[in-house]
N, C-alpha and C. Protein backbone atom coordinates (compact mmCIF):
# COMPACT_ATOMS: atom_id res chain seq x y z
N MET A 1 -1.47 4.09 -14.51
CA MET A 1 -2.95 4.21 -15.45
C MET A 1 -3.08 5.32 -14.88
N LYS A 2 -3.49 6.32 -15.94
CA LYS A 2 -4.14 7.67 -15.74
C LYS A 2 -5.66 7.03 -15.25
N LEU A 3 -5.69 8.45 -14.62
CA LEU A 3 -7.34 8.32 -14.08
C LEU A 3 -8.53 8.34 -14.88
N ASN A 4 -8.45 8.99 -16.33
CA ASN A 4 -9.64 8.56 -17.36
C ASN A 4 -9.58 6.93 -17.74
N VAL A 5 -8.51 6.23 -17.61
CA VAL A 5 -8.85 5.10 -17.73
C VAL A 5 -9.61 4.20 -16.98
N ILE A 6 -9.00 4.68 -16.05
CA ILE A 6 -9.70 4.06 -14.26
C ILE A 6 -11.42 4.31 -14.37
N VAL A 7 -11.35 5.40 -14.61
CA VAL A 7 -12.76 5.92 -14.73
C VAL A 7 -14.16 5.04 -15.81
N ILE A 8 -12.90 5.15 -16.85
CA ILE A 8 -13.64 4.15 -18.17
C ILE A 8 -13.68 2.74 -17.67
N MET A 9 -12.92 2.10 -17.07
CA MET A 9 -12.92 0.80 -16.59
C MET A 9 -14.27 0.53 -15.86
N ILE A 10 -14.03 1.29 -14.67
CA ILE A 10 -15.12 0.97 -13.33
C ILE A 10 -16.38 1.16 -14.05
N THR A 11 -16.70 2.17 -15.21
CA THR A 11 -17.83 2.70 -15.65
C THR A 11 -18.25 1.54 -16.31
N ILE A 12 -17.54 0.55 -17.04
CA ILE A 12 -17.81 -0.55 -17.73
C ILE A 12 -18.02 -1.90 -17.05
N CYS A 13 -17.07 -1.84 -15.99
CA CYS A 13 -17.66 -2.77 -14.65
C CYS A 13 -19.52 -2.71 -14.31
N TRP A 14 -19.63 -1.24 -14.14
CA TRP A 14 -21.07 -1.30 -13.67
C TRP A 14 -21.84 -1.29 -14.87
N LEU A 15 -21.85 -0.85 -16.26
CA LEU A 15 -22.71 -0.87 -17.13
C LEU A 15 -23.00 -2.32 -17.71
N LEU A 16 -22.04 -3.17 -18.13
CA LEU A 16 -22.11 -4.01 -18.64
C LEU A 16 -23.27 -5.00 -17.40
N PRO A 17 -23.05 -5.59 -16.23
CA PRO A 17 -24.09 -5.84 -15.80
C PRO A 17 -25.22 -5.69 -15.72
N ALA A 18 -25.78 -3.77 -15.80
CA ALA A 18 -26.68 -3.23 -15.61
C ALA A 18 -27.62 -3.68 -16.87
N LEU A 19 -26.81 -3.64 -17.75
CA LEU A 19 -27.10 -3.47 -19.28
C LEU A 19 -27.70 -5.18 -19.41
N GLY A 20 -27.00 -5.95 -19.07
CA GLY A 20 -26.97 -7.83 -19.47
C GLY A 20 -27.49 -8.30 -18.41
N TRP A 21 -27.85 -7.70 -17.17
CA TRP A 21 -28.74 -8.79 -16.76
C TRP A 21 -29.90 -7.96 -15.95
N ALA A 22 -29.36 -6.60 -15.31
CA ALA A 22 -30.75 -6.21 -14.37
C ALA A 22 -31.83 -5.60 -15.33
N LEU A 23 -31.51 -4.99 -16.75
CA LEU A 23 -32.78 -4.68 -17.31
C LEU A 23 -33.65 -5.60 -17.79
N PRO A 24 -32.69 -6.61 -18.40
CA PRO A 24 -33.84 -7.84 -18.79
C PRO A 24 -34.83 -8.30 -17.18
N MET A 25 -34.20 -8.68 -16.39
CA MET A 25 -34.51 -9.14 -15.30
C MET A 25 -35.26 -8.26 -14.14
N LEU A 26 -35.13 -7.18 -14.05
CA LEU A 26 -35.59 -5.90 -13.08
C LEU A 26 -36.85 -5.74 -13.61
N PHE A 27 -36.66 -4.63 -14.94
CA PHE A 27 -37.83 -3.96 -15.40
C PHE A 27 -38.77 -4.78 -17.04
N PHE A 28 -37.68 -5.59 -17.39
CA PHE A 28 -38.61 -5.98 -18.31
C PHE A 28 -39.67 -7.59 -17.96
N ASP A 29 -38.89 -8.11 -16.91
CA ASP A 29 -39.76 -9.29 -16.40
C ASP A 29 -39.20 -10.48 -17.41
N TRP A 30 -38.35 -10.65 -17.95
CA TRP A 30 -38.09 -11.38 -19.04
C TRP A 30 -37.72 -12.80 -18.01
N GLY A 31 -37.25 -12.61 -16.99
CA GLY A 31 -36.61 -13.94 -16.03
C GLY A 31 -37.68 -14.84 -15.10
N TYR A 32 -39.28 -13.84 -15.91
CA TYR A 32 -40.12 -14.44 -14.96
C TYR A 32 -40.91 -15.32 -16.04
N ILE A 33 -40.62 -15.12 -17.38
CA ILE A 33 -41.39 -16.03 -18.24
C ILE A 33 -41.84 -17.22 -18.24
N GLY A 34 -43.17 -17.75 -17.87
CA GLY A 34 -43.34 -19.07 -18.00
C GLY A 34 -43.05 -19.73 -16.76
N ILE A 35 -42.77 -19.14 -15.52
CA ILE A 35 -42.67 -19.44 -13.93
C ILE A 35 -43.07 -18.45 -13.17
N GLU A 36 -44.28 -17.89 -13.89
CA GLU A 36 -44.99 -16.81 -13.18
C GLU A 36 -45.67 -17.62 -11.67
N ASP A 37 -46.19 -18.55 -11.69
CA ASP A 37 -46.64 -19.51 -10.21
C ASP A 37 -45.93 -19.52 -9.22
N TYR A 38 -44.20 -19.48 -9.71
CA TYR A 38 -43.26 -19.75 -8.85
C TYR A 38 -43.10 -18.61 -8.10
N VAL A 39 -43.12 -17.47 -8.71
CA VAL A 39 -42.43 -15.64 -7.93
C VAL A 39 -43.47 -15.38 -7.60
N MET A 40 -43.37 -15.72 -5.90
CA MET A 40 -44.13 -15.16 -4.52
C MET A 40 -43.48 -15.49 -3.48
N CYS A 41 -43.52 -14.58 -2.96
CA CYS A 41 -43.18 -14.80 -0.93
C CYS A 41 -43.35 -15.79 -0.61
N SER A 42 -42.51 -16.53 0.31
CA SER A 42 -42.75 -17.53 1.09
C SER A 42 -43.40 -17.15 1.88
N SER A 43 -43.94 -18.18 2.53
CA SER A 43 -44.91 -18.29 3.98
C SER A 43 -43.77 -17.95 5.36
N VAL A 44 -42.82 -17.76 5.00
CA VAL A 44 -41.47 -17.09 6.39
C VAL A 44 -41.30 -15.69 5.97
N GLY A 45 -41.93 -15.17 4.73
CA GLY A 45 -41.31 -14.06 4.63
C GLY A 45 -40.25 -13.69 3.94
N ALA A 46 -39.67 -14.54 3.45
CA ALA A 46 -38.47 -14.77 2.76
C ALA A 46 -38.73 -14.64 0.92
N CYS A 47 -38.02 -13.72 0.48
CA CYS A 47 -38.14 -13.60 -1.04
C CYS A 47 -37.38 -14.30 -1.47
N PRO A 48 -37.05 -15.58 -2.09
CA PRO A 48 -35.59 -15.94 -2.69
C PRO A 48 -35.71 -15.56 -4.00
N PHE A 49 -34.25 -15.58 -5.04
CA PHE A 49 -34.54 -15.13 -6.16
C PHE A 49 -35.06 -16.40 -6.89
N ILE A 50 -35.53 -15.87 -8.35
CA ILE A 50 -35.98 -17.30 -8.88
C ILE A 50 -35.94 -16.53 -9.99
N VAL A 51 -35.48 -17.11 -11.37
CA VAL A 51 -35.56 -16.84 -12.44
C VAL A 51 -35.95 -17.75 -13.44
N ASN A 52 -36.35 -17.92 -14.61
CA ASN A 52 -36.44 -19.23 -15.53
C ASN A 52 -35.33 -19.61 -15.91
N VAL A 53 -35.57 -21.09 -16.45
CA VAL A 53 -34.04 -21.59 -17.05
C VAL A 53 -33.23 -20.60 -17.96
N THR A 54 -33.87 -20.30 -18.70
CA THR A 54 -33.06 -19.42 -19.82
C THR A 54 -32.56 -18.46 -19.41
N LEU A 55 -32.95 -17.43 -18.64
CA LEU A 55 -32.27 -16.64 -18.11
C LEU A 55 -31.53 -16.72 -17.13
N ASN A 56 -31.47 -17.91 -16.13
CA ASN A 56 -30.26 -18.47 -15.50
C ASN A 56 -29.33 -18.92 -15.94
N LEU A 57 -29.43 -19.96 -17.27
CA LEU A 57 -28.41 -20.06 -18.05
C LEU A 57 -27.79 -19.02 -19.11
N VAL A 58 -28.23 -17.93 -19.23
CA VAL A 58 -27.39 -16.71 -19.66
C VAL A 58 -26.79 -16.21 -18.97
N ASP A 59 -27.12 -16.47 -17.44
CA ASP A 59 -26.91 -15.35 -16.59
C ASP A 59 -25.71 -16.04 -16.03
N SER A 60 -25.55 -17.61 -15.88
CA SER A 60 -24.35 -18.05 -14.98
C SER A 60 -23.44 -18.79 -15.87
N ILE A 61 -24.05 -19.00 -17.21
CA ILE A 61 -22.99 -19.39 -17.95
C ILE A 61 -21.43 -18.07 -18.15
N PRO A 62 -22.23 -17.30 -19.13
CA PRO A 62 -21.08 -15.70 -19.25
C PRO A 62 -21.00 -15.26 -18.33
N GLY A 63 -21.50 -15.34 -17.23
CA GLY A 63 -21.51 -14.78 -16.18
C GLY A 63 -20.76 -15.09 -15.10
N PHE A 64 -20.48 -16.59 -14.96
CA PHE A 64 -19.59 -17.27 -14.04
C PHE A 64 -18.69 -17.99 -14.72
N PHE A 65 -19.19 -19.15 -14.96
CA PHE A 65 -18.80 -20.60 -15.62
C PHE A 65 -17.70 -19.90 -16.44
N ILE A 66 -17.99 -19.45 -17.55
CA ILE A 66 -16.68 -19.01 -18.35
C ILE A 66 -15.92 -18.27 -17.61
N PRO A 67 -16.09 -17.20 -17.14
CA PRO A 67 -15.01 -16.38 -16.30
C PRO A 67 -14.07 -17.14 -15.73
N SER A 68 -14.76 -18.14 -14.95
CA SER A 68 -14.18 -19.01 -13.93
C SER A 68 -13.08 -19.72 -14.74
N ALA A 69 -13.70 -20.16 -15.60
CA ALA A 69 -12.84 -21.01 -16.31
C ALA A 69 -11.60 -20.34 -17.51
N ILE A 70 -11.60 -19.33 -17.39
CA ILE A 70 -10.38 -18.63 -17.85
C ILE A 70 -9.51 -18.05 -16.43
N MET A 71 -10.23 -17.76 -15.69
CA MET A 71 -9.07 -17.26 -14.32
C MET A 71 -8.44 -18.75 -13.83
N VAL A 72 -8.77 -19.96 -13.94
CA VAL A 72 -8.01 -20.92 -13.34
C VAL A 72 -7.32 -21.67 -14.57
N ILE A 73 -7.66 -21.40 -15.87
CA ILE A 73 -6.23 -21.34 -16.68
C ILE A 73 -5.17 -20.55 -16.87
N CYS A 74 -5.53 -19.05 -16.30
CA CYS A 74 -4.87 -17.77 -16.32
C CYS A 74 -3.63 -18.35 -14.85
N TYR A 75 -4.43 -18.27 -13.92
CA TYR A 75 -3.85 -18.81 -12.72
C TYR A 75 -2.98 -20.12 -12.56
N TRP A 76 -3.25 -21.01 -13.79
CA TRP A 76 -2.45 -22.15 -14.09
C TRP A 76 -1.05 -22.19 -14.37
N ARG A 77 -1.14 -20.79 -15.69
CA ARG A 77 -0.23 -20.55 -16.37
C ARG A 77 0.70 -19.75 -15.24
N ILE A 78 0.06 -18.90 -14.41
CA ILE A 78 1.28 -18.20 -13.40
C ILE A 78 2.02 -19.18 -12.56
N PHE A 79 0.99 -20.12 -12.28
CA PHE A 79 1.84 -21.07 -11.54
C PHE A 79 2.73 -22.09 -12.61
N VAL A 80 2.74 -22.44 -13.39
CA VAL A 80 3.35 -22.83 -14.29
C VAL A 80 4.87 -21.93 -14.66
N ALA A 81 4.51 -21.15 -15.08
CA ALA A 81 5.51 -19.69 -14.79
C ALA A 81 6.57 -19.62 -13.69
N ALA A 82 5.71 -19.69 -12.52
CA ALA A 82 6.53 -18.99 -11.51
C ALA A 82 7.51 -20.34 -11.23
N LYS A 83 7.22 -21.69 -11.20
CA LYS A 83 7.62 -23.12 -11.08
C LYS A 83 8.90 -22.76 -12.00
N ARG A 84 8.86 -22.49 -13.18
CA ARG A 84 10.29 -22.23 -14.21
C ARG A 84 10.74 -21.08 -13.93
N HIS A 85 10.48 -20.49 -13.33
CA HIS A 85 11.08 -18.76 -13.15
C HIS A 85 11.99 -19.38 -11.77
N ALA A 86 11.42 -20.28 -10.80
CA ALA A 86 12.28 -20.98 -9.64
C ALA A 86 13.00 -21.45 -9.92
N ARG A 87 13.06 -22.50 -11.03
CA ARG A 87 14.28 -23.46 -11.56
C ARG A 87 15.33 -22.76 -12.01
N ALA A 88 15.18 -21.91 -12.59
CA ALA A 88 16.01 -20.45 -13.54
C ALA A 88 16.69 -19.92 -12.38
N ILE A 89 16.39 -19.76 -11.40
CA ILE A 89 17.21 -19.45 -10.04
C ILE A 89 17.96 -20.02 -9.53
N ARG A 90 17.49 -21.41 -9.30
CA ARG A 90 18.34 -22.09 -8.69
C ARG A 90 19.65 -22.35 -9.22
N ASP A 91 19.26 -22.61 -10.70
CA ASP A 91 20.24 -22.70 -11.77
C ASP A 91 21.30 -21.93 -12.17
N ILE A 92 21.34 -20.68 -11.46
CA ILE A 92 21.97 -19.86 -11.57
C ILE A 92 23.56 -20.15 -10.67
N PRO A 93 24.66 -19.80 -11.10
CA PRO A 93 25.55 -20.00 -10.84
C PRO A 93 26.04 -19.01 -9.91
N TYR A 94 25.91 -19.26 -8.72
CA TYR A 94 26.02 -18.11 -7.44
C TYR A 94 27.71 -18.20 -7.06
N HIS A 95 28.39 -19.01 -7.62
CA HIS A 95 30.04 -19.01 -7.23
C HIS A 95 30.63 -17.70 -7.87
N GLN A 96 29.84 -17.61 -9.45
CA GLN A 96 30.39 -16.21 -9.93
C GLN A 96 29.99 -14.71 -9.45
N GLU A 97 30.84 -13.87 -9.44
CA GLU A 97 30.36 -12.46 -8.81
C GLU A 97 29.01 -11.80 -9.39
N ALA A 98 29.38 -11.82 -10.95
CA ALA A 98 28.46 -10.98 -11.64
C ALA A 98 27.07 -11.82 -11.43
N ASN A 99 26.97 -13.14 -11.73
CA ASN A 99 25.91 -13.98 -11.58
C ASN A 99 25.42 -13.67 -10.09
N SER A 100 26.06 -13.66 -9.20
CA SER A 100 25.86 -13.49 -7.67
C SER A 100 24.57 -12.40 -7.67
N GLN A 101 25.17 -11.33 -8.59
CA GLN A 101 24.27 -10.05 -7.84
C GLN A 101 22.98 -10.30 -9.22
N TYR A 102 22.88 -10.64 -10.04
CA TYR A 102 22.06 -11.04 -10.95
C TYR A 102 21.15 -11.90 -10.03
N GLY A 103 21.77 -13.01 -9.65
CA GLY A 103 20.30 -13.91 -9.03
C GLY A 103 19.99 -13.33 -7.43
N SER A 104 20.79 -12.45 -6.80
CA SER A 104 19.76 -11.95 -5.50
C SER A 104 19.03 -11.21 -6.17
N THR A 105 18.89 -10.27 -7.48
CA THR A 105 17.89 -9.43 -7.60
C THR A 105 16.80 -10.29 -7.90
N ALA A 106 17.47 -11.32 -9.23
CA ALA A 106 16.12 -12.02 -9.84
C ALA A 106 15.50 -12.80 -8.62
N SER A 107 16.17 -13.22 -7.72
CA SER A 107 15.45 -14.01 -6.20
C SER A 107 14.39 -12.98 -5.69
N LYS A 108 14.95 -11.56 -5.07
CA LYS A 108 13.95 -10.75 -4.58
C LYS A 108 12.57 -10.62 -5.88
N SER A 109 12.87 -10.25 -7.25
CA SER A 109 11.88 -10.25 -8.12
C SER A 109 10.81 -11.70 -7.81
N PHE A 110 11.58 -12.61 -7.80
CA PHE A 110 10.58 -13.99 -7.92
C PHE A 110 9.77 -14.22 -6.59
N LYS A 111 10.24 -13.54 -5.42
CA LYS A 111 9.50 -13.94 -4.27
C LYS A 111 8.05 -12.78 -4.15
N LYS A 112 8.66 -11.32 -4.60
CA LYS A 112 7.43 -10.45 -5.08
C LYS A 112 6.43 -11.01 -6.00
N GLU A 113 6.83 -11.56 -6.70
CA GLU A 113 5.90 -12.13 -7.86
C GLU A 113 5.15 -13.22 -7.44
N THR A 114 5.92 -14.13 -6.61
CA THR A 114 5.24 -15.38 -5.82
C THR A 114 4.47 -14.96 -4.81
N LYS A 115 4.55 -13.94 -3.91
CA LYS A 115 4.03 -13.28 -3.03
C LYS A 115 2.29 -12.83 -3.78
N ALA A 116 2.92 -12.00 -4.94
CA ALA A 116 1.31 -11.35 -5.91
C ALA A 116 0.43 -12.54 -6.25
N ALA A 117 1.21 -13.68 -7.03
CA ALA A 117 0.56 -14.96 -7.33
C ALA A 117 -0.17 -15.73 -6.16
N PHE A 118 0.33 -15.81 -5.23
CA PHE A 118 -0.07 -16.47 -4.17
C PHE A 118 -1.20 -15.61 -3.07
N THR A 119 -1.35 -14.20 -3.37
CA THR A 119 -2.35 -13.46 -3.00
C THR A 119 -3.49 -13.63 -3.81
N LEU A 120 -3.39 -13.73 -5.32
CA LEU A 120 -4.27 -13.67 -6.16
C LEU A 120 -4.48 -15.16 -6.28
N GLY A 121 -4.16 -16.57 -5.78
CA GLY A 121 -4.69 -17.34 -5.24
C GLY A 121 -5.88 -17.29 -4.29
N ILE A 122 -5.41 -16.80 -2.97
CA ILE A 122 -6.71 -16.38 -1.95
C ILE A 122 -7.68 -15.94 -2.25
N VAL A 123 -7.55 -14.72 -3.20
CA VAL A 123 -8.71 -14.22 -3.64
C VAL A 123 -9.73 -15.09 -4.78
N ILE A 124 -9.10 -15.71 -5.61
CA ILE A 124 -10.10 -16.68 -6.50
C ILE A 124 -10.35 -17.51 -5.86
N GLY A 125 -9.59 -18.31 -5.04
CA GLY A 125 -10.44 -19.13 -4.27
C GLY A 125 -11.27 -18.93 -3.24
N CYS A 126 -11.20 -17.77 -2.80
CA CYS A 126 -12.30 -17.28 -1.93
C CYS A 126 -13.52 -16.96 -2.58
N PHE A 127 -13.11 -16.56 -3.99
CA PHE A 127 -14.40 -16.25 -5.12
C PHE A 127 -15.45 -17.37 -5.44
N PHE A 128 -14.53 -18.59 -5.70
CA PHE A 128 -15.35 -19.86 -5.93
C PHE A 128 -15.73 -20.45 -4.73
N VAL A 129 -15.36 -20.33 -3.92
CA VAL A 129 -15.98 -21.17 -2.36
C VAL A 129 -17.15 -20.05 -2.53
N CYS A 130 -17.25 -18.69 -2.58
CA CYS A 130 -18.52 -18.06 -2.10
C CYS A 130 -19.09 -18.40 -3.18
N TRP A 131 -19.32 -17.73 -4.50
CA TRP A 131 -20.19 -18.00 -5.74
C TRP A 131 -20.42 -19.37 -6.30
N CYS A 132 -19.61 -20.03 -5.69
CA CYS A 132 -20.02 -21.07 -6.91
C CYS A 132 -21.15 -22.12 -6.08
N PRO A 133 -21.23 -21.86 -5.00
CA PRO A 133 -22.75 -22.98 -4.67
C PRO A 133 -23.73 -22.06 -4.76
N PHE A 134 -23.81 -20.84 -5.28
CA PHE A 134 -24.99 -19.88 -5.43
C PHE A 134 -25.17 -20.12 -6.75
N PHE A 135 -24.40 -20.07 -8.13
CA PHE A 135 -25.05 -20.56 -9.03
C PHE A 135 -25.09 -22.13 -9.34
N LEU A 136 -24.45 -22.82 -8.74
CA LEU A 136 -24.53 -24.45 -9.14
C LEU A 136 -26.13 -24.32 -8.45
N THR A 137 -26.73 -23.56 -7.40
CA THR A 137 -27.62 -24.29 -6.58
C THR A 137 -28.93 -23.35 -6.97
N TYR A 138 -28.97 -22.25 -7.84
CA TYR A 138 -30.09 -21.76 -8.48
C TYR A 138 -30.19 -22.39 -10.14
N LEU A 139 -28.93 -22.93 -10.56
CA LEU A 139 -29.01 -23.39 -11.69
C LEU A 139 -29.97 -24.85 -11.69
N VAL A 140 -29.08 -25.76 -10.68
CA VAL A 140 -30.04 -26.65 -10.38
C VAL A 140 -31.81 -26.49 -10.59
N ASP A 141 -31.77 -26.19 -9.13
CA ASP A 141 -33.22 -25.34 -8.56
C ASP A 141 -34.20 -25.16 -10.11
N ALA A 142 -33.21 -24.30 -10.74
CA ALA A 142 -34.45 -24.25 -12.15
C ALA A 142 -34.42 -25.20 -12.84
N LEU A 143 -33.63 -26.16 -12.79
CA LEU A 143 -33.99 -27.35 -13.41
C LEU A 143 -34.43 -28.64 -13.28
N ILE A 144 -34.80 -28.38 -11.79
CA ILE A 144 -35.83 -29.40 -10.97
C ILE A 144 -37.06 -29.12 -10.58
N GLY A 145 -37.50 -27.59 -11.06
CA GLY A 145 -38.64 -27.09 -11.34
C GLY A 145 -38.95 -26.39 -9.32
N TYR A 146 -37.62 -25.88 -8.99
CA TYR A 146 -37.94 -25.00 -7.83
C TYR A 146 -38.35 -25.50 -6.75
N ARG A 147 -37.29 -26.97 -6.63
CA ARG A 147 -37.71 -27.52 -5.39
C ARG A 147 -36.25 -27.20 -3.98
N VAL A 148 -35.62 -26.54 -4.13
CA VAL A 148 -34.51 -26.32 -3.50
C VAL A 148 -35.06 -25.81 -2.19
N PRO A 149 -34.82 -26.50 -1.16
CA PRO A 149 -35.62 -25.74 0.32
C PRO A 149 -34.62 -23.85 0.36
N ILE A 150 -35.91 -23.24 0.60
CA ILE A 150 -35.77 -21.48 0.61
C ILE A 150 -34.44 -21.31 1.57
N ILE A 151 -34.09 -22.29 2.92
CA ILE A 151 -33.06 -21.97 3.43
C ILE A 151 -31.94 -22.13 2.77
N ILE A 152 -31.84 -22.92 2.03
CA ILE A 152 -30.59 -23.03 1.08
C ILE A 152 -30.21 -22.07 0.53
N LYS A 153 -31.10 -21.70 -0.48
CA LYS A 153 -30.93 -20.38 -1.08
C LYS A 153 -30.34 -19.11 -0.89
N LEU A 154 -31.12 -18.94 0.50
CA LEU A 154 -30.73 -17.98 1.31
C LEU A 154 -29.26 -18.16 2.07
N ILE A 155 -29.03 -18.70 2.05
CA ILE A 155 -27.64 -19.29 2.49
C ILE A 155 -26.20 -18.94 1.76
N VAL A 156 -26.82 -20.08 0.28
CA VAL A 156 -25.87 -19.49 -0.26
C VAL A 156 -25.80 -18.27 -1.00
N LEU A 157 -26.62 -17.20 -0.95
CA LEU A 157 -26.97 -16.15 -1.75
C LEU A 157 -26.01 -15.22 -0.58
N TRP A 158 -26.04 -15.33 0.79
CA TRP A 158 -25.72 -14.46 1.66
C TRP A 158 -24.05 -14.84 1.53
N LEU A 159 -23.87 -16.20 1.11
CA LEU A 159 -22.31 -16.28 1.12
C LEU A 159 -21.70 -15.66 -0.38
N GLY A 160 -22.37 -15.58 -1.22
CA GLY A 160 -21.98 -14.98 -2.41
C GLY A 160 -21.96 -13.79 -1.86
N TYR A 161 -22.30 -12.78 -1.13
CA TYR A 161 -22.32 -11.69 -0.82
C TYR A 161 -21.02 -11.27 0.34
N LEU A 162 -20.85 -12.26 1.10
CA LEU A 162 -20.22 -12.52 1.91
C LEU A 162 -18.66 -12.22 1.12
N ASN A 163 -18.43 -12.45 -0.08
CA ASN A 163 -17.24 -12.31 -0.91
C ASN A 163 -16.86 -10.89 -1.22
N SER A 164 -18.12 -10.14 -1.05
CA SER A 164 -17.47 -9.18 -1.34
C SER A 164 -16.80 -8.40 -0.09
N THR A 165 -17.46 -8.80 1.20
CA THR A 165 -16.90 -8.45 2.53
C THR A 165 -15.29 -8.46 2.65
N MET A 166 -14.61 -10.14 2.23
CA MET A 166 -13.46 -11.09 2.25
C MET A 166 -12.73 -9.61 1.29
N ASN A 167 -12.91 -9.57 0.23
CA ASN A 167 -11.66 -9.01 -0.79
C ASN A 167 -10.96 -7.80 -0.01
N PRO A 168 -11.80 -6.92 0.28
CA PRO A 168 -10.84 -5.42 0.77
C PRO A 168 -9.84 -6.04 1.99
N VAL A 169 -10.51 -7.12 2.95
CA VAL A 169 -9.91 -7.59 3.94
C VAL A 169 -8.85 -8.27 3.34
N LEU A 170 -8.68 -9.29 2.38
CA LEU A 170 -7.33 -9.96 1.66
C LEU A 170 -6.77 -8.95 1.05
N TYR A 171 -7.06 -7.77 0.54
CA TYR A 171 -6.26 -7.18 -0.33
C TYR A 171 -5.46 -5.99 0.77
N TYR A 172 -6.00 -5.79 1.97
CA TYR A 172 -5.19 -4.69 2.83
C TYR A 172 -4.13 -5.95 3.45
N ILE A 173 -4.12 -6.80 3.76
CA ILE A 173 -3.54 -7.94 4.74
C ILE A 173 -2.42 -8.35 3.72
N SER A 174 -2.63 -8.38 2.47
CA SER A 174 -1.39 -9.25 1.45
C SER A 174 -1.04 -7.86 1.00
N ASN A 175 -1.06 -6.62 1.10
CA ASN A 175 -1.07 -5.78 -0.21
C ASN A 175 -0.73 -4.32 0.41
N LYS A 176 0.87 -3.90 0.55
CA LYS A 176 1.08 -2.04 1.09
C LYS A 176 0.12 -1.54 0.37
N ASP A 177 0.04 -1.52 -0.81
CA ASP A 177 -0.62 -0.17 -1.70
C ASP A 177 -1.69 -0.06 -1.22
N PHE A 178 -2.94 -1.23 -0.56
CA PHE A 178 -4.14 -1.26 -0.26
C PHE A 178 -4.41 -0.79 1.02
N LYS A 179 -3.17 -1.10 1.79
CA LYS A 179 -3.04 -0.47 3.45
C LYS A 179 -3.07 1.32 3.09
N VAL A 180 -2.25 1.30 2.64
CA VAL A 180 -2.11 2.92 2.40
C VAL A 180 -3.16 3.63 2.21
N ALA A 181 -3.61 3.04 0.76
CA ALA A 181 -5.01 3.75 0.33
C ALA A 181 -6.07 3.60 1.22
N TYR A 182 -6.31 2.32 2.19
CA TYR A 182 -7.15 2.13 3.09
C TYR A 182 -7.01 3.23 4.20
N LYS A 183 -5.72 3.79 4.78
CA LYS A 183 -5.39 4.73 5.59
C LYS A 183 -5.89 5.80 5.03
N MET A 184 -5.72 6.22 3.82
CA MET A 184 -5.79 7.58 2.93
C MET A 184 -7.59 7.92 3.20
N LEU A 185 -7.95 7.19 2.79
CA LEU A 185 -9.56 7.04 2.84
C LEU A 185 -10.62 6.92 3.99
N PHE A 186 -9.74 6.34 5.00
CA PHE A 186 -10.04 6.70 6.35
C PHE A 186 -9.75 7.71 7.03
N GLY A 187 -9.12 8.56 6.37
CA GLY A 187 -8.48 9.87 7.28
C GLY A 187 -7.33 9.83 8.74
N CYS A 188 -6.63 8.62 8.14
CA CYS A 188 -5.87 8.23 9.43
C CYS A 188 -4.40 8.81 8.90
N ASN A 189 -3.31 9.27 10.03
CA ASN A 189 -2.49 9.72 9.77
C ASN A 189 -1.12 9.12 9.08
N ILE A 190 -0.53 9.31 8.22
CA ILE A 190 0.25 8.32 7.80
C ILE A 190 1.92 8.99 7.07
N GLN A 191 2.74 8.39 7.15
CA GLN A 191 4.17 9.08 7.17
C GLN A 191 4.24 9.19 5.47
N GLN A 192 4.85 10.13 5.09
CA GLN A 192 5.14 10.84 3.71
C GLN A 192 5.79 9.16 3.18
N SER A 193 6.61 8.70 3.79
CA SER A 193 7.61 7.59 3.31
C SER A 193 6.78 7.04 2.74
N LEU A 194 5.78 6.81 3.42
CA LEU A 194 4.71 5.37 2.80
C LEU A 194 4.01 5.69 1.25
N LEU A 195 3.12 7.21 1.48
CA LEU A 195 3.03 7.50 0.71
C LEU A 195 3.80 7.58 -1.17
N ASP A 196 5.17 7.67 -0.49
CA ASP A 196 6.05 7.93 -2.04
C ASP A 196 6.44 6.29 -2.02
N THR A 197 5.90 5.52 -1.52
CA THR A 197 6.41 3.81 -2.11
C THR A 197 5.97 3.36 -3.40
N SER A 198 4.71 3.75 -3.46
CA SER A 198 3.78 3.00 -4.93
C SER A 198 2.92 4.69 -5.67
N PHE A 199 2.68 5.85 -4.67
CA PHE A 199 1.97 6.55 -5.46
C PHE A 199 2.62 7.89 -5.61
N ASP A 200 2.36 8.29 -6.54
CA ASP A 200 2.53 9.59 -7.22
C ASP A 200 1.68 10.84 -6.99
N LEU A 201 1.32 11.16 -5.91
CA LEU A 201 0.25 12.06 -5.49
C LEU A 201 -0.31 13.55 -6.10
N ARG A 202 1.12 13.75 -6.56
CA ARG A 202 1.41 15.22 -7.60
C ARG A 202 0.43 14.86 -8.83
N ASN A 203 0.25 13.45 -9.81
CA ASN A 203 -0.24 13.29 -10.37
C ASN A 203 -1.51 12.70 -10.73
N SER A 204 -2.26 12.61 -9.23
CA SER A 204 -3.25 12.35 -9.00
C SER A 204 -4.63 12.75 -9.78
């Protein structure tokens, strides 16, 4: 993937939330229409995140529930394909020399793909565990008239923030490329052999 493509993708990932959520919410106050009496800091000094039902639905459905459903469907298809691949490898007649060589290569490839799918499953699972309580809590809170205790709101909010901390750790543990990138990023000394595994620095 070329550098300009990466820059465009990252820019889009920042612009879409900014234009679709931050501007209506923070600058135009559309999320406070009809709930002005609820928008105030509590007596304990904490300021919970509060928006009206309309913006809550607009934020949660396309921003979390629909993407989550797509991720579950995609991961299910990956799981089904992995099982089918595993059966195909088991059915290879290893007693034939040519097929044995092919079977060994296919088995190594399958193990690599399985590890990648397992890593993806952990990342998706942590994403659901961290963010699902937040979106459900704030959606239910808006529907019942903002009666959810503030301590619960703060807990689910920081649980969502925790997900951003977990992802780099998960990728570092499970992916060699990320380990190399982190060591480069933080200025650690690394061997040239590690650099040559997946990165072509001459094209960076």
